[in-house]
């Protein structure tokens, strides 16, 4: 499932986020940790954590906060604490990668 999630996010980023050079997804239990590399970055950095909710289209969302060095529960643009992988990526990527 992690490979499928990573393919989806890479395809989404290549279409919507031209400043994103690379995406890496690591799985651990029910969680997927997403790292992204911006055009100006030397390496990928933590972006968000997704929690599997029983469907490849439905993930709980937490973004990485640099000030606290941890993942914090958050919401996607709809105001819900879960969404598609693409919605979660967009919510986390905007501060890091800028407008798309």
PDB file of N, CA and C in Angstrom:
ATOM      1  N   UNK A   1       0.815  -1.191   0.000  1.00  0.00           N
ATOM      2  CA  UNK A   1       0.000   0.000   0.000  1.00  0.00           C
ATOM      3  C   UNK A   1       0.865   1.264   0.000  1.00  0.00           C
ATOM      4  N   UNK A   2       2.001   1.242   0.691  1.00  0.00           N
ATOM      5  CA  UNK A   2       2.869   2.412   0.745  1.00  0.00           C
ATOM      6  C   UNK A   2       3.366   2.776  -0.656  1.00  0.00           C
ATOM      7  N   UNK A   3       3.683   1.766  -1.457  1.00  0.00           N
ATOM      8  CA  UNK A   3       4.158   2.033  -2.817  1.00  0.00           C
ATOM      9  C   UNK A   3       3.072   2.725  -3.645  1.00  0.00           C
ATOM     10  N   UNK A   4       1.835   2.262  -3.493  1.00  0.00           N
ATOM     11  CA  UNK A   4       0.719   2.872  -4.227  1.00  0.00           C
ATOM     12  C   UNK A   4       0.503   4.308  -3.764  1.00  0.00           C
ATOM     13  N   UNK A   5       0.570   4.537  -2.467  1.00  0.00           N
ATOM     14  CA  UNK A   5       0.434   5.882  -1.924  1.00  0.00           C
ATOM     15  C   UNK A   5       1.540   6.791  -2.461  1.00  0.00           C
ATOM     16  N   UNK A   6       2.767   6.304  -2.466  1.00  0.00           N
ATOM     17  CA  UNK A   6       3.891   7.103  -2.953  1.00  0.00           C
ATOM     18  C   UNK A   6       3.720   7.446  -4.440  1.00  0.00           C
ATOM     19  N   UNK A   7       3.278   6.496  -5.240  1.00  0.00           N
ATOM     20  CA  UNK A   7       3.033   6.766  -6.666  1.00  0.00           C
ATOM     21  C   UNK A   7       1.972   7.850  -6.844  1.00  0.00           C
ATOM     22  N   UNK A   8       0.901   7.765  -6.064  1.00  0.00           N
ATOM     23  CA  UNK A   8      -0.167   8.776  -6.152  1.00  0.00           C
ATOM     24  C   UNK A   8       0.352  10.160  -5.801  1.00  0.00           C
ATOM     25  N   UNK A   9       1.109  10.238  -4.707  1.00  0.00           N
ATOM     26  CA  UNK A   9       1.617  11.533  -4.277  1.00  0.00           C
ATOM     27  C   UNK A   9       2.640  12.088  -5.255  1.00  0.00           C
ATOM     28  N   UNK A  10       3.479  11.247  -5.809  1.00  0.00           N
ATOM     29  CA  UNK A  10       4.442  11.719  -6.814  1.00  0.00           C
ATOM     30  C   UNK A  10       3.731  12.242  -8.054  1.00  0.00           C
ATOM     31  N   UNK A  11       2.715  11.531  -8.515  1.00  0.00           N
ATOM     32  CA  UNK A  11       1.957  11.985  -9.685  1.00  0.00           C
ATOM     33  C   UNK A  11       1.263  13.313  -9.388  1.00  0.00           C
ATOM     34  N   UNK A  12       0.677  13.427  -8.218  1.00  0.00           N
ATOM     35  CA  UNK A  12      -0.004  14.662  -7.823  1.00  0.00           C
ATOM     36  C   UNK A  12       0.980  15.817  -7.751  1.00  0.00           C
ATOM     37  N   UNK A  13       2.114  15.585  -7.114  1.00  0.00           N
ATOM     38  CA  UNK A  13       3.124  16.647  -6.974  1.00  0.00           C
ATOM     39  C   UNK A  13       3.660  17.080  -8.333  1.00  0.00           C
ATOM     40  N   UNK A  14       3.875  16.144  -9.230  1.00  0.00           N
ATOM     41  CA  UNK A  14       4.408  16.526 -10.543  1.00  0.00           C
ATOM     42  C   UNK A  14       3.399  17.352 -11.334  1.00  0.00           C
ATOM     43  N   UNK A  15       2.101  17.136 -11.091  1.00  0.00           N
ATOM     44  CA  UNK A  15       1.057  17.915 -11.771  1.00  0.00           C
ATOM     45  C   UNK A  15       0.798  19.267 -11.111  1.00  0.00           C
ATOM     46  N   UNK A  16       0.828  19.315  -9.783  1.00  0.00           N
ATOM     47  CA  UNK A  16       0.367  20.494  -9.053  1.00  0.00           C
ATOM     48  C   UNK A  16       1.458  21.286  -8.337  1.00  0.00           C
ATOM     49  N   UNK A  17       2.604  20.676  -8.095  1.00  0.00           N
ATOM     50  CA  UNK A  17       3.648  21.319  -7.297  1.00  0.00           C
ATOM     51  C   UNK A  17       4.978  21.282  -8.046  1.00  0.00           C
ATOM     52  N   UNK A  18       5.181  22.167  -9.010  1.00  0.00           N
ATOM     53  CA  UNK A  18       6.424  22.139  -9.797  1.00  0.00           C
ATOM     54  C   UNK A  18       7.683  22.391  -8.965  1.00  0.00           C
ATOM     55  N   UNK A  19       7.535  22.993  -7.788  1.00  0.00           N
ATOM     56  CA  UNK A  19       8.705  23.244  -6.944  1.00  0.00           C
ATOM     57  C   UNK A  19       9.112  22.026  -6.122  1.00  0.00           C
ATOM     58  N   UNK A  20       8.361  20.940  -6.219  1.00  0.00           N
ATOM     59  CA  UNK A  20       8.680  19.717  -5.487  1.00  0.00           C
ATOM     60  C   UNK A  20       9.555  18.822  -6.360  1.00  0.00           C
ATOM     61  N   UNK A  21      10.800  18.598  -5.909  1.00  0.00           N
ATOM     62  CA  UNK A  21      11.744  17.780  -6.675  1.00  0.00           C
ATOM     63  C   UNK A  21      11.594  16.290  -6.389  1.00  0.00           C
ATOM     64  N   UNK A  22      11.226  15.942  -5.164  1.00  0.00           N
ATOM     65  CA  UNK A  22      11.158  14.527  -4.798  1.00  0.00           C
ATOM     66  C   UNK A  22      10.227  14.325  -3.614  1.00  0.00           C
ATOM     67  N   UNK A  23       9.644  13.128  -3.556  1.00  0.00           N
ATOM     68  CA  UNK A  23       8.784  12.716  -2.444  1.00  0.00           C
ATOM     69  C   UNK A  23       9.225  11.323  -2.011  1.00  0.00           C
ATOM     70  N   UNK A  24       9.281  11.133  -0.710  1.00  0.00           N
ATOM     71  CA  UNK A  24       9.585   9.827  -0.133  1.00  0.00           C
ATOM     72  C   UNK A  24       8.494   9.502   0.876  1.00  0.00           C
ATOM     73  N   UNK A  25       8.023   8.266   0.851  1.00  0.00           N
ATOM     74  CA  UNK A  25       7.001   7.817   1.802  1.00  0.00           C
ATOM     75  C   UNK A  25       7.532   6.586   2.522  1.00  0.00           C
ATOM     76  N   UNK A  26       7.496   6.633   3.853  1.00  0.00           N
ATOM     77  CA  UNK A  26       7.905   5.500   4.680  1.00  0.00           C
ATOM     78  C   UNK A  26       6.695   5.029   5.479  1.00  0.00           C
ATOM     79  N   UNK A  27       6.537   3.726   5.578  1.00  0.00           N
ATOM     80  CA  UNK A  27       5.431   3.172   6.345  1.00  0.00           C
ATOM     81  C   UNK A  27       5.892   2.627   7.683  1.00  0.00           C
ATOM     82  N   UNK A  28       5.034   2.802   8.678  1.00  0.00           N
ATOM     83  CA  UNK A  28       5.266   2.205   9.998  1.00  0.00           C
ATOM     84  C   UNK A  28       3.906   1.961  10.633  1.00  0.00           C
ATOM     85  N   UNK A  29       3.499   0.716  10.676  1.00  0.00           N
ATOM     86  CA  UNK A  29       2.176   0.383  11.193  1.00  0.00           C
ATOM     87  C   UNK A  29       1.104   1.023  10.321  1.00  0.00           C
ATOM     88  N   UNK A  30       0.164   1.712  10.971  1.00  0.00           N
ATOM     89  CA  UNK A  30      -0.929   2.373  10.247  1.00  0.00           C
ATOM     90  C   UNK A  30      -0.531   3.748   9.717  1.00  0.00           C
ATOM     91  N   UNK A  31       0.731   4.143   9.910  1.00  0.00           N
ATOM     92  CA  UNK A  31       1.171   5.480   9.530  1.00  0.00           C
ATOM     93  C   UNK A  31       2.044   5.471   8.277  1.00  0.00           C
ATOM     94  N   UNK A  32       1.925   6.538   7.515  1.00  0.00           N
ATOM     95  CA  UNK A  32       2.801   6.802   6.380  1.00  0.00           C
ATOM     96  C   UNK A  32       3.427   8.169   6.621  1.00  0.00           C
ATOM     97  N   UNK A  33       4.747   8.218   6.587  1.00  0.00           N
ATOM     98  CA  UNK A  33       5.481   9.463   6.806  1.00  0.00           C
ATOM     99  C   UNK A  33       5.941   9.982   5.450  1.00  0.00           C
ATOM    100  N   UNK A  34       5.541  11.210   5.132  1.00  0.00           N
ATOM    101  CA  UNK A  34       5.810  11.794   3.824  1.00  0.00           C
ATOM    102  C   UNK A  34       6.867  12.887   3.970  1.00  0.00           C
ATOM    103  N   UNK A  35       7.952  12.740   3.216  1.00  0.00           N
ATOM    104  CA  UNK A  35       8.996  13.751   3.138  1.00  0.00           C
ATOM    105  C   UNK A  35       8.969  14.337   1.733  1.00  0.00           C
ATOM    106  N   UNK A  36       9.298  15.621   1.626  1.00  0.00           N
ATOM    107  CA  UNK A  36       9.328  16.286   0.322  1.00  0.00           C
ATOM    108  C   UNK A  36      10.595  17.113   0.201  1.00  0.00           C
ATOM    109  N   UNK A  37      11.054  17.251  -1.029  1.00  0.00           N
ATOM    110  CA  UNK A  37      12.226  18.065  -1.315  1.00  0.00           C
ATOM    111  C   UNK A  37      11.822  19.180  -2.256  1.00  0.00           C
ATOM    112  N   UNK A  38      11.984  20.406  -1.788  1.00  0.00           N
ATOM    113  CA  UNK A  38      11.694  21.568  -2.613  1.00  0.00           C
ATOM    114  C   UNK A  38      12.828  21.854  -3.570  1.00  0.00           C
ATOM    115  N   UNK A  39      12.583  22.715  -4.541  1.00  0.00           N
ATOM    116  CA  UNK A  39      13.566  23.031  -5.573  1.00  0.00           C
ATOM    117  C   UNK A  39      14.860  23.586  -4.994  1.00  0.00           C
ATOM    118  N   UNK A  40      14.776  24.297  -3.896  1.00  0.00           N
ATOM    119  CA  UNK A  40      15.956  24.919  -3.284  1.00  0.00           C
ATOM    120  C   UNK A  40      16.588  24.058  -2.189  1.00  0.00           C
ATOM    121  N   UNK A  41      15.959  22.942  -1.832  1.00  0.00           N
ATOM    122  CA  UNK A  41      16.435  22.108  -0.728  1.00  0.00           C
ATOM    123  C   UNK A  41      17.494  21.114  -1.196  1.00  0.00           C
ATOM    124  N   UNK A  42      18.444  20.832  -0.326  1.00  0.00           N
ATOM    125  CA  UNK A  42      19.482  19.845  -0.633  1.00  0.00           C
ATOM    126  C   UNK A  42      18.996  18.420  -0.409  1.00  0.00           C
ATOM    127  N   UNK A  43      18.027  18.253   0.497  1.00  0.00           N
ATOM    128  CA  UNK A  43      17.510  16.918   0.789  1.00  0.00           C
ATOM    129  C   UNK A  43      16.035  17.021   1.164  1.00  0.00           C
ATOM    130  N   UNK A  44      15.370  15.870   1.156  1.00  0.00           N
ATOM    131  CA  UNK A  44      13.956  15.832   1.534  1.00  0.00           C
ATOM    132  C   UNK A  44      13.815  16.098   3.022  1.00  0.00           C
ATOM    133  N   UNK A  45      12.732  16.772   3.392  1.00  0.00           N
ATOM    134  CA  UNK A  45      12.450  17.115   4.783  1.00  0.00           C
ATOM    135  C   UNK A  45      11.064  16.611   5.159  1.00  0.00           C
ATOM    136  N   UNK A  46      10.815  16.360   6.447  1.00  0.00           N
ATOM    137  CA  UNK A  46       9.495  15.889   6.869  1.00  0.00           C
ATOM    138  C   UNK A  46       8.398  16.863   6.454  1.00  0.00           C
ATOM    139  N   UNK A  47       7.314  16.328   5.944  1.00  0.00           N
ATOM    140  CA  UNK A  47       6.192  17.149   5.502  1.00  0.00           C
ATOM    141  C   UNK A  47       4.942  16.835   6.319  1.00  0.00           C
ATOM    142  N   UNK A  48       4.559  15.556   6.349  1.00  0.00           N
ATOM    143  CA  UNK A  48       3.348  15.192   7.091  1.00  0.00           C
ATOM    144  C   UNK A  48       3.343  13.706   7.413  1.00  0.00           C
ATOM    145  N   UNK A  49       2.407  13.355   8.278  1.00  0.00           N
ATOM    146  CA  UNK A  49       2.161  11.964   8.632  1.00  0.00           C
ATOM    147  C   UNK A  49       0.713  11.667   8.300  1.00  0.00           C
ATOM    148  N   UNK A  50       0.496  10.578   7.614  1.00  0.00           N
ATOM    149  CA  UNK A  50      -0.857  10.150   7.278  1.00  0.00           C
ATOM    150  C   UNK A  50      -1.162   8.868   8.039  1.00  0.00           C
ATOM    151  N   UNK A  51      -2.371   8.783   8.535  1.00  0.00           N
ATOM    152  CA  UNK A  51      -2.794   7.572   9.264  1.00  0.00           C
ATOM    153  C   UNK A  51      -3.875   6.879   8.452  1.00  0.00           C
ATOM    154  N   UNK A  52      -3.633   5.632   8.127  1.00  0.00           N
ATOM    155  CA  UNK A  52      -4.547   4.837   7.324  1.00  0.00           C
ATOM    156  C   UNK A  52      -5.869   4.651   8.061  1.00  0.00           C
ATOM    157  N   UNK A  53      -6.970   4.902   7.354  1.00  0.00           N
ATOM    158  CA  UNK A  53      -8.298   4.786   7.967  1.00  0.00           C
ATOM    159  C   UNK A  53      -9.156   3.736   7.261  1.00  0.00           C
ATOM    160  N   UNK A  54      -8.520   2.729   6.673  1.00  0.00           N
ATOM    161  CA  UNK A  54      -9.266   1.627   6.081  1.00  0.00           C
ATOM    162  C   UNK A  54      -9.466   1.713   4.584  1.00  0.00           C
ATOM    163  N   UNK A  55      -9.029   2.805   3.969  1.00  0.00           N
ATOM    164  CA  UNK A  55      -9.174   2.980   2.522  1.00  0.00           C
ATOM    165  C   UNK A  55      -8.004   3.785   1.998  1.00  0.00           C
ATOM    166  N   UNK A  56      -7.514   3.444   0.824  1.00  0.00           N
ATOM    167  CA  UNK A  56      -6.407   4.186   0.220  1.00  0.00           C
ATOM    168  C   UNK A  56      -6.803   5.641  -0.057  1.00  0.00           C
ATOM    169  N   UNK A  57      -8.103   5.929  -0.062  1.00  0.00           N
ATOM    170  CA  UNK A  57      -8.590   7.282  -0.332  1.00  0.00           C
ATOM    171  C   UNK A  57      -8.909   8.081   0.928  1.00  0.00           C
ATOM    172  N   UNK A  58      -8.675   7.529   2.100  1.00  0.00           N
ATOM    173  CA  UNK A  58      -9.079   8.183   3.335  1.00  0.00           C
ATOM    174  C   UNK A  58      -7.972   8.070   4.384  1.00  0.00           C
ATOM    175  N   UNK A  59      -7.327   9.222   4.693  1.00  0.00           N
ATOM    176  CA  UNK A  59      -6.201   9.256   5.620  1.00  0.00           C
ATOM    177  C   UNK A  59      -6.371  10.391   6.612  1.00  0.00           C
ATOM    178  N   UNK A  60      -6.065  10.120   7.872  1.00  0.00           N
ATOM    179  CA  UNK A  60      -6.022  11.167   8.887  1.00  0.00           C
ATOM    180  C   UNK A  60      -4.722  11.949   8.678  1.00  0.00           C
ATOM    181  N   UNK A  61      -4.751  13.236   8.944  1.00  0.00           N
ATOM    182  CA  UNK A  61      -3.661  14.122   8.567  1.00  0.00           C
ATOM    183  C   UNK A  61      -3.009  14.811   9.762  1.00  0.00           C
ATOM    184  N   UNK A  62      -1.686  14.794   9.795  1.00  0.00           N
ATOM    185  CA  UNK A  62      -0.908  15.564  10.767  1.00  0.00           C
ATOM    186  C   UNK A  62       0.289  16.152  10.030  1.00  0.00           C
ATOM    187  N   UNK A  63       0.558  17.428  10.233  1.00  0.00           N
ATOM    188  CA  UNK A  63       1.695  18.057   9.559  1.00  0.00           C
ATOM    189  C   UNK A  63       2.885  18.130  10.515  1.00  0.00           C
ATOM    190  N   UNK A  64       4.072  18.221   9.940  1.00  0.00           N
ATOM    191  CA  UNK A  64       5.288  18.298  10.753  1.00  0.00           C
ATOM    192  C   UNK A  64       5.534  19.750  11.140  1.00  0.00           C
ATOM    193  N   UNK A  65       5.742  19.988  12.435  1.00  0.00           N
ATOM    194  CA  UNK A  65       6.054  21.341  12.898  1.00  0.00           C
ATOM    195  C   UNK A  65       7.531  21.398  13.253  1.00  0.00           C
ATOM    196  N   UNK A  66       8.220  22.319  12.639  1.00  0.00           N
ATOM    197  CA  UNK A  66       9.650  22.476  12.883  1.00  0.00           C
ATOM    198  C   UNK A  66       9.912  23.038  14.270  1.00  0.00           C
ATOM    199  N   UNK A  67       9.034  23.900  14.746  1.00  0.00           N
ATOM    200  CA  UNK A  67       9.262  24.503  16.060  1.00  0.00           C
ATOM    201  C   UNK A  67       9.206  23.475  17.188  1.00  0.00           C
ATOM    202  N   UNK A  68       8.372  22.476  17.030  1.00  0.00           N
ATOM    203  CA  UNK A  68       8.235  21.436  18.062  1.00  0.00           C
ATOM    204  C   UNK A  68       8.882  20.120  17.674  1.00  0.00           C
ATOM    205  N   UNK A  69       9.305  20.022  16.428  1.00  0.00           N
ATOM    206  CA  UNK A  69       9.942  18.804  15.921  1.00  0.00           C
ATOM    207  C   UNK A  69       9.052  17.576  16.109  1.00  0.00           C
ATOM    208  N   UNK A  70       7.771  17.747  15.791  1.00  0.00           N
ATOM    209  CA  UNK A  70       6.824  16.645  15.931  1.00  0.00           C
ATOM    210  C   UNK A  70       5.690  16.822  14.922  1.00  0.00           C
ATOM    211  N   UNK A  71       4.858  15.810  14.827  1.00  0.00           N
ATOM    212  CA  UNK A  71       3.678  15.862  13.966  1.00  0.00           C
ATOM    213  C   UNK A  71       2.483  16.292  14.799  1.00  0.00           C
ATOM    214  N   UNK A  72       1.704  17.230  14.275  1.00  0.00           N
ATOM    215  CA  UNK A  72       0.529  17.725  14.985  1.00  0.00           C
ATOM    216  C   UNK A  72      -0.710  17.522  14.130  1.00  0.00           C
ATOM    217  N   UNK A  73      -1.760  17.006  14.753  1.00  0.00           N
ATOM    218  CA  UNK A  73      -3.022  16.791  14.046  1.00  0.00           C
ATOM    219  C   UNK A  73      -3.479  18.101  13.429  1.00  0.00           C
ATOM    220  N   UNK A  74      -3.992  18.008  12.229  1.00  0.00           N
ATOM    221  CA  UNK A  74      -4.423  19.205  11.519  1.00  0.00           C
ATOM    222  C   UNK A  74      -5.627  18.863  10.644  1.00  0.00           C
ATOM    223  N   UNK A  75      -6.020  19.802   9.819  1.00  0.00           N
ATOM    224  CA  UNK A  75      -7.164  19.614   8.936  1.00  0.00           C
ATOM    225  C   UNK A  75      -6.758  19.922   7.497  1.00  0.00           C
ATOM    226  N   UNK A  76      -7.497  19.341   6.571  1.00  0.00           N
ATOM    227  CA  UNK A  76      -7.311  19.655   5.158  1.00  0.00           C
ATOM    228  C   UNK A  76      -8.201  20.853   4.817  1.00  0.00           C
ATOM    229  N   UNK A  77      -8.182  21.297   3.579  1.00  0.00           N
ATOM    230  CA  UNK A  77      -8.925  22.501   3.182  1.00  0.00           C
ATOM    231  C   UNK A  77     -10.428  22.430   3.459  1.00  0.00           C
ATOM    232  N   UNK A  78     -10.983  21.224   3.502  1.00  0.00           N
ATOM    233  CA  UNK A  78     -12.416  21.078   3.779  1.00  0.00           C
ATOM    234  C   UNK A  78     -12.742  21.333   5.248  1.00  0.00           C
ATOM    235  N   UNK A  79     -11.698  21.401   6.090  1.00  0.00           N
ATOM    236  CA  UNK A  79     -11.898  21.566   7.526  1.00  0.00           C
ATOM    237  C   UNK A  79     -11.953  20.258   8.291  1.00  0.00           C
ATOM    238  N   UNK A  80     -11.857  19.156   7.597  1.00  0.00           N
ATOM    239  CA  UNK A  80     -11.887  17.835   8.231  1.00  0.00           C
ATOM    240  C   UNK A  80     -10.474  17.385   8.592  1.00  0.00           C
ATOM    241  N   UNK A  81     -10.339  16.540   9.614  1.00  0.00           N
ATOM    242  CA  UNK A  81      -9.012  16.061  10.006  1.00  0.00           C
ATOM    243  C   UNK A  81      -8.530  14.878   9.160  1.00  0.00           C
ATOM    244  N   UNK A  82      -9.197  14.610   8.067  1.00  0.00           N
ATOM    245  CA  UNK A  82      -8.825  13.524   7.162  1.00  0.00           C
ATOM    246  C   UNK A  82      -9.209  13.902   5.739  1.00  0.00           C
ATOM    247  N   UNK A  83      -8.628  13.182   4.796  1.00  0.00           N
ATOM    248  CA  UNK A  83      -8.933  13.437   3.386  1.00  0.00           C
ATOM    249  C   UNK A  83      -8.185  12.461   2.509  1.00  0.00           C
ATOM    250  N   UNK A  84      -8.204  12.737   1.221  1.00  0.00           N
ATOM    251  CA  UNK A  84      -7.442  11.919   0.282  1.00  0.00           C
ATOM    252  C   UNK A  84      -5.960  12.211   0.491  1.00  0.00           C
ATOM    253  N   UNK A  85      -5.089  11.342   0.028  1.00  0.00           N
ATOM    254  CA  UNK A  85      -3.661  11.631   0.149  1.00  0.00           C
ATOM    255  C   UNK A  85      -3.290  12.965  -0.502  1.00  0.00           C
ATOM    256  N   UNK A  86      -3.921  13.260  -1.619  1.00  0.00           N
ATOM    257  CA  UNK A  86      -3.634  14.500  -2.337  1.00  0.00           C
ATOM    258  C   UNK A  86      -4.071  15.733  -1.539  1.00  0.00           C
ATOM    259  N   UNK A  87      -5.238  15.661  -0.897  1.00  0.00           N
ATOM    260  CA  UNK A  87      -5.696  16.778  -0.060  1.00  0.00           C
ATOM    261  C   UNK A  87      -4.758  16.996   1.125  1.00  0.00           C
ATOM    262  N   UNK A  88      -4.317  15.912   1.726  1.00  0.00           N
ATOM    263  CA  UNK A  88      -3.384  16.011   2.853  1.00  0.00           C
ATOM    264  C   UNK A  88      -2.057  16.599   2.398  1.00  0.00           C
ATOM    265  N   UNK A  89      -1.558  16.148   1.262  1.00  0.00           N
ATOM    266  CA  UNK A  89      -0.299  16.673   0.740  1.00  0.00           C
ATOM    267  C   UNK A  89      -0.406  18.174   0.475  1.00  0.00           C
ATOM    268  N   UNK A  90      -1.499  18.588  -0.158  1.00  0.00           N
ATOM    269  CA  UNK A  90      -1.690  20.015  -0.458  1.00  0.00           C
ATOM    270  C   UNK A  90      -1.693  20.861   0.808  1.00  0.00           C
ATOM    271  N   UNK A  91      -2.378  20.385   1.835  1.00  0.00           N
ATOM    272  CA  UNK A  91      -2.463  21.143   3.088  1.00  0.00           C
ATOM    273  C   UNK A  91      -1.088  21.292   3.733  1.00  0.00           C
ATOM    274  N   UNK A  92      -0.275  20.256   3.659  1.00  0.00           N
ATOM    275  CA  UNK A  92       1.053  20.301   4.270  1.00  0.00           C
ATOM    276  C   UNK A  92       2.066  21.007   3.380  1.00  0.00           C
ATOM    277  N   UNK A  93       1.925  20.882   2.075  1.00  0.00           N
ATOM    278  CA  UNK A  93       2.940  21.385   1.145  1.00  0.00           C
ATOM    279  C   UNK A  93       2.900  22.893   0.974  1.00  0.00           C
ATOM    280  N   UNK A  94       1.753  23.512   1.122  1.00  0.00           N
ATOM    281  CA  UNK A  94       1.658  24.942   0.834  1.00  0.00           C
ATOM    282  C   UNK A  94       2.682  25.766   1.611  1.00  0.00           C
ATOM    283  N   UNK A  95       2.829  25.591   2.938  1.00  0.00           N
ATOM    284  CA  UNK A  95       3.827  26.391   3.646  1.00  0.00           C
ATOM    285  C   UNK A  95       5.267  26.082   3.211  1.00  0.00           C
ATOM    286  N   UNK A  96       5.530  24.835   2.831  1.00  0.00           N
ATOM    287  CA  UNK A  96       6.894  24.441   2.500  1.00  0.00           C
ATOM    288  C   UNK A  96       7.257  24.743   1.045  1.00  0.00           C
ATOM    289  N   UNK A  97       6.324  24.475   0.145  1.00  0.00           N
ATOM    290  CA  UNK A  97       6.629  24.556  -1.281  1.00  0.00           C
ATOM    291  C   UNK A  97       6.034  25.794  -1.950  1.00  0.00           C
ATOM    292  N   UNK A  98       5.217  26.545  -1.240  1.00  0.00           N
ATOM    293  CA  UNK A  98       4.635  27.745  -1.830  1.00  0.00           C
ATOM    294  C   UNK A  98       3.414  27.454  -2.667  1.00  0.00           C
ATOM    295  N   UNK A  99       2.876  28.480  -3.247  1.00  0.00           N
ATOM    296  CA  UNK A  99       1.660  28.351  -4.058  1.00  0.00           C
ATOM    297  C   UNK A  99       1.920  27.467  -5.272  1.00  0.00           C
ATOM    298  N   UNK A 100       0.890  26.725  -5.652  1.00  0.00           N
ATOM    299  CA  UNK A 100       1.002  25.865  -6.841  1.00  0.00           C
ATOM    300  C   UNK A 100       0.174  26.409  -7.974  1.00  0.00           C
TER     301      UNK A 100
END
